[in-house]
Amino acid sequence: MTLKLRIFFSFLLIFSLQNIFALEITEKEIEGYIRGEYNRTFNYYGDISVIGSVALDNLIKFRGGVALGKAEGMTDIAAFTGVGYSPFLKVPLSFSLYYIYNGIPEFENNIHSILPFISYNAKWAGISVGVNFRFTSFFDEIAQFDSVLTLYVYVNLVVIETLQIGLSAGNFNDFHAKNISAYSLAVNSLIKLDERWTAVIDLELMQTGGGGLSSTLYGIAWRGGVKFSW
């Protein structure tokens, strides 16, 4: 890189940071979850996770989290960080870029996913579409690259001040970006306890083999937790 380009990108970085620091924090959240799962591979699996997010001027939102899971003979480590940009005040459209890490130390398995996606998140329904650029390696071998279409849709059936219940389907979430044929169907619920506390309860059915028109039930999972906003 030439000296002129370095100077240009340095000024661009400083200018961007100044603009970000000039924005007002409009939302802060922290979430904690416990999850249990029964599946065809590891029988019982469970994990705990923590997620935090900060929104600036209702324009830029940073999210990140870590999860630690355990099954018989296996430890699952997951983490993600990402940023979303919502440029339109009256249109619930956002552009996001996430990085997701998944690792299983016992198999020296490491998966790095770079996930750009576009979301339309309205009150009663929404959709997210993107591409997962994934690098996968086992036992210190050379990482294999593939790209996977990512899709998530939801429909809310009940939306009132203290309760929200909906259905969702997709092949990615905060901690996992899976194959197109490995998707989940879920019932999601939010119970608003007060102005700051919200309880979250999800029930998930995991499918596999959809790409070959031979979809079968892979497992069932539940997740419960709370969200604190201030």
Protein backbone atom coordinates (compact mmCIF):
# COMPACT_ATOMS: atom_id res chain seq x y z
CA MET A 1 0.00 0.00 0.00
CA THR A 2 1.38 3.40 -1.00
CA LEU A 3 1.94 6.23 1.47
CA LYS A 4 -0.89 8.28 -0.08
CA LEU A 5 -3.36 5.42 0.37
CA ARG A 6 -2.28 4.91 3.96
CA ILE A 7 -2.80 8.59 4.71
CA PHE A 8 -6.20 8.51 2.98
CA PHE A 9 -7.45 5.47 4.91
CA SER A 10 -6.08 6.92 8.18
CA PHE A 11 -8.08 10.13 7.69
CA LEU A 12 -11.13 8.06 6.68
CA LEU A 13 -10.85 5.96 9.86
CA ILE A 14 -10.46 9.03 12.08
CA PHE A 15 -13.41 10.73 10.38
CA SER A 16 -15.59 7.63 10.84
CA LEU A 17 -14.68 7.26 14.51
CA GLN A 18 -15.40 10.93 15.16
CA ASN A 19 -18.85 10.55 13.59
CA ILE A 20 -19.58 7.42 15.61
CA PHE A 21 -18.49 8.99 18.91
CA ALA A 22 -20.66 12.04 18.10
CA LEU A 23 -23.79 9.87 17.98
CA GLU A 24 -26.05 9.53 21.02
CA ILE A 25 -26.66 6.16 22.66
CA THR A 26 -30.38 5.50 22.22
CA GLU A 27 -30.64 1.88 23.36
CA LYS A 28 -28.67 -0.57 25.50
CA GLU A 29 -29.58 -4.20 26.08
CA ILE A 30 -28.11 -7.26 27.73
CA GLU A 31 -29.57 -10.75 27.35
CA GLY A 32 -28.94 -14.06 29.10
CA TYR A 33 -30.22 -17.49 28.02
CA ILE A 34 -30.23 -21.16 28.96
CA ARG A 35 -30.89 -23.62 26.12
CA GLY A 36 -31.54 -27.36 26.01
CA GLU A 37 -31.57 -29.57 22.94
CA TYR A 38 -32.18 -33.19 21.98
CA ASN A 39 -30.77 -34.20 18.58
CA ARG A 40 -29.77 -37.23 16.53
CA THR A 41 -26.01 -36.61 16.88
CA PHE A 42 -25.30 -35.92 20.54
CA ASN A 43 -28.59 -36.89 22.19
CA TYR A 44 -28.77 -34.19 24.90
CA TYR A 45 -27.00 -30.87 24.46
CA GLY A 46 -27.21 -27.68 26.52
CA ASP A 47 -25.66 -24.22 26.50
CA ILE A 48 -25.67 -20.84 28.18
CA SER A 49 -25.22 -17.56 26.35
CA VAL A 50 -24.88 -13.83 26.96
CA ILE A 51 -25.60 -11.13 24.34
CA GLY A 52 -25.15 -7.39 24.52
CA SER A 53 -26.13 -4.58 22.15
CA VAL A 54 -25.83 -0.81 21.84
CA ALA A 55 -27.74 1.42 19.40
CA LEU A 56 -26.55 4.87 18.34
CA ASP A 57 -29.16 7.45 17.25
CA ASN A 58 -31.43 4.54 16.22
CA LEU A 59 -29.15 4.40 13.18
CA ILE A 60 -26.30 2.02 13.99
CA LYS A 61 -26.58 -1.02 16.26
CA PHE A 62 -23.66 -3.07 17.56
CA ARG A 63 -24.31 -6.60 18.85
CA GLY A 64 -22.09 -9.30 20.24
CA GLY A 65 -22.23 -12.39 22.39
CA VAL A 66 -20.67 -15.63 23.57
CA ALA A 67 -22.12 -19.09 24.18
CA LEU A 68 -20.72 -22.20 25.82
CA GLY A 69 -22.35 -25.56 25.14
CA LYS A 70 -21.77 -29.08 26.40
CA ALA A 71 -22.76 -32.57 25.30
CA GLU A 72 -21.31 -35.97 26.17
CA GLY A 73 -17.73 -35.90 24.93
CA MET A 74 -18.07 -32.52 23.24
CA THR A 75 -17.65 -28.85 24.09
CA ASP A 76 -19.15 -26.22 21.80
CA ILE A 77 -17.79 -22.67 21.81
CA ALA A 78 -19.58 -19.95 19.85
CA ALA A 79 -19.21 -16.19 19.59
CA PHE A 80 -20.40 -13.45 17.30
CA THR A 81 -20.02 -9.75 16.72
CA GLY A 82 -21.82 -7.57 14.24
CA VAL A 83 -23.15 -4.19 13.25
CA GLY A 84 -26.43 -3.15 11.65
CA TYR A 85 -27.20 0.08 9.80
CA SER A 86 -30.79 1.37 9.50
CA PRO A 87 -30.72 4.47 7.26
CA PHE A 88 -34.48 5.00 6.89
CA LEU A 89 -36.49 6.38 9.80
CA LYS A 90 -39.90 5.27 8.53
CA VAL A 91 -38.87 2.05 6.77
CA PRO A 92 -37.73 -0.92 8.96
CA LEU A 93 -34.92 -1.84 6.55
CA SER A 94 -31.40 -2.54 7.80
CA PHE A 95 -28.06 -3.68 6.41
CA SER A 96 -25.92 -5.89 8.65
CA LEU A 97 -22.50 -7.50 8.72
CA TYR A 98 -21.78 -10.27 11.24
CA TYR A 99 -18.81 -12.46 12.10
CA ILE A 100 -19.61 -15.81 13.76
CA TYR A 101 -17.13 -18.26 15.27
CA ASN A 102 -17.96 -21.89 16.10
CA GLY A 103 -15.46 -24.30 17.59
CA ILE A 104 -15.40 -27.86 18.93
CA PRO A 105 -12.01 -28.34 20.71
CA GLU A 106 -12.28 -32.14 20.89
CA PHE A 107 -12.33 -32.35 17.08
CA GLU A 108 -10.03 -29.35 16.54
CA ASN A 109 -12.92 -27.98 14.50
CA ASN A 110 -13.05 -24.25 13.72
CA ILE A 111 -15.66 -22.46 11.61
CA HIS A 112 -15.38 -18.79 10.72
CA SER A 113 -18.42 -17.21 9.07
CA ILE A 114 -18.67 -13.75 7.54
CA LEU A 115 -22.32 -12.95 7.05
CA PRO A 116 -23.64 -9.85 5.26
CA PHE A 117 -27.44 -9.69 5.12
CA ILE A 118 -30.36 -7.35 4.53
CA SER A 119 -33.39 -7.32 6.86
CA TYR A 120 -36.90 -5.96 6.72
CA ASN A 121 -38.24 -6.15 10.27
CA ALA A 122 -41.83 -4.91 10.49
CA LYS A 123 -44.24 -5.25 13.41
CA TRP A 124 -46.17 -8.24 12.06
CA ALA A 125 -43.67 -9.92 9.72
CA GLY A 126 -40.10 -9.71 8.49
CA ILE A 127 -37.37 -11.33 6.45
CA SER A 128 -33.55 -11.43 6.42
CA VAL A 129 -31.58 -12.57 3.37
CA GLY A 130 -27.83 -12.82 2.93
CA VAL A 131 -24.83 -14.99 2.11
CA ASN A 132 -22.63 -16.87 4.57
CA PHE A 133 -18.97 -16.88 3.51
CA ARG A 134 -17.74 -19.82 5.59
CA PHE A 135 -14.27 -21.21 6.30
CA THR A 136 -14.21 -24.67 7.94
CA SER A 137 -11.24 -26.71 9.18
CA PHE A 138 -10.70 -29.94 11.15
CA PHE A 139 -7.51 -31.06 12.92
CA ASP A 140 -5.44 -28.10 11.70
CA GLU A 141 -6.07 -28.93 8.05
CA ILE A 142 -6.36 -26.21 5.41
CA ALA A 143 -9.68 -24.40 5.79
CA GLN A 144 -12.33 -25.21 3.19
CA PHE A 145 -14.33 -22.29 1.83
CA ASP A 146 -17.97 -22.37 0.77
CA SER A 147 -20.77 -19.85 0.45
CA VAL A 148 -24.29 -20.56 1.65
CA LEU A 149 -27.54 -18.68 1.12
CA THR A 150 -28.94 -17.53 4.47
CA LEU A 151 -32.60 -16.88 5.05
CA TYR A 152 -34.78 -16.08 8.06
CA VAL A 153 -38.47 -15.16 8.08
CA TYR A 154 -40.97 -14.52 10.88
CA VAL A 155 -44.66 -13.81 11.33
CA ASN A 156 -46.10 -12.46 14.57
CA LEU A 157 -49.51 -13.80 15.54
CA VAL A 158 -50.01 -11.79 18.73
CA VAL A 159 -48.59 -8.31 19.32
CA ILE A 160 -49.87 -6.44 22.37
CA GLU A 161 -48.18 -4.24 24.95
CA THR A 162 -47.13 -7.08 27.27
CA LEU A 163 -47.00 -10.11 24.97
CA GLN A 164 -45.66 -11.07 21.55
CA ILE A 165 -46.01 -14.55 20.02
CA GLY A 166 -44.83 -15.51 16.56
CA LEU A 167 -43.55 -18.19 14.21
CA SER A 168 -40.16 -18.19 12.49
CA ALA A 169 -38.14 -20.27 10.04
CA GLY A 170 -34.56 -19.98 8.85
CA ASN A 171 -31.06 -21.40 8.70
CA PHE A 172 -29.16 -18.84 10.77
CA ASN A 173 -29.27 -17.06 14.11
CA ASP A 174 -26.88 -15.09 16.29
CA PHE A 175 -24.54 -18.00 17.01
CA HIS A 176 -24.95 -20.35 14.04
CA ALA A 177 -25.12 -20.04 10.27
CA LYS A 178 -26.04 -23.47 8.91
CA ASN A 179 -26.46 -25.15 5.54
CA ILE A 180 -29.46 -24.20 3.44
CA SER A 181 -30.97 -27.66 4.05
CA ALA A 182 -30.49 -27.44 7.84
CA TYR A 183 -33.22 -25.06 8.90
CA SER A 184 -35.32 -24.52 11.99
CA LEU A 185 -39.01 -23.90 12.63
CA ALA A 186 -39.73 -22.10 15.88
CA VAL A 187 -42.38 -20.63 18.11
CA ASN A 188 -41.06 -17.43 19.70
CA SER A 189 -42.55 -15.48 22.58
CA LEU A 190 -41.69 -12.29 24.44
CA ILE A 191 -43.35 -11.42 27.76
CA LYS A 192 -42.80 -7.82 28.90
CA LEU A 193 -42.44 -7.87 32.67
CA ASP A 194 -41.96 -4.13 33.10
CA GLU A 195 -40.37 -1.21 31.28
CA ARG A 196 -36.90 -2.78 31.38
CA TRP A 197 -37.27 -6.54 31.83
CA THR A 198 -38.55 -8.95 29.15
CA ALA A 199 -38.80 -12.74 29.40
CA VAL A 200 -37.97 -14.78 26.28
CA ILE A 201 -39.26 -18.33 25.65
CA ASP A 202 -38.61 -20.20 22.36
CA LEU A 203 -39.43 -23.70 21.14
CA GLU A 204 -37.50 -24.90 18.08
CA LEU A 205 -37.83 -27.86 15.69
CA MET A 206 -34.64 -28.49 13.71
CA GLN A 207 -34.87 -30.07 10.27
CA THR A 208 -32.19 -31.51 8.00
CA GLY A 209 -32.01 -32.84 4.45
CA GLY A 210 -34.35 -30.25 2.94
CA GLY A 211 -31.96 -29.63 0.05
CA GLY A 212 -32.48 -33.20 -1.17
CA LEU A 213 -36.25 -33.10 -0.65
CA SER A 214 -35.84 -35.61 2.18
CA SER A 215 -36.36 -33.38 5.18
CA THR A 216 -36.34 -35.20 8.53
CA LEU A 217 -36.58 -34.05 12.12
CA TYR A 218 -33.04 -33.58 13.45
CA GLY A 219 -33.86 -32.39 16.94
CA ILE A 220 -35.95 -30.27 19.24
CA ALA A 221 -34.76 -27.43 21.47
CA TRP A 222 -36.06 -24.92 23.96
CA ARG A 223 -34.55 -21.63 25.09
CA GLY A 224 -35.45 -19.42 28.01
CA GLY A 225 -33.97 -16.20 29.29
CA VAL A 226 -34.38 -12.54 30.04
CA LYS A 227 -33.57 -9.27 28.31
CA PHE A 228 -32.74 -6.09 30.22
CA SER A 229 -33.02 -2.74 28.39
CA TRP A 230 -32.08 0.72 29.59
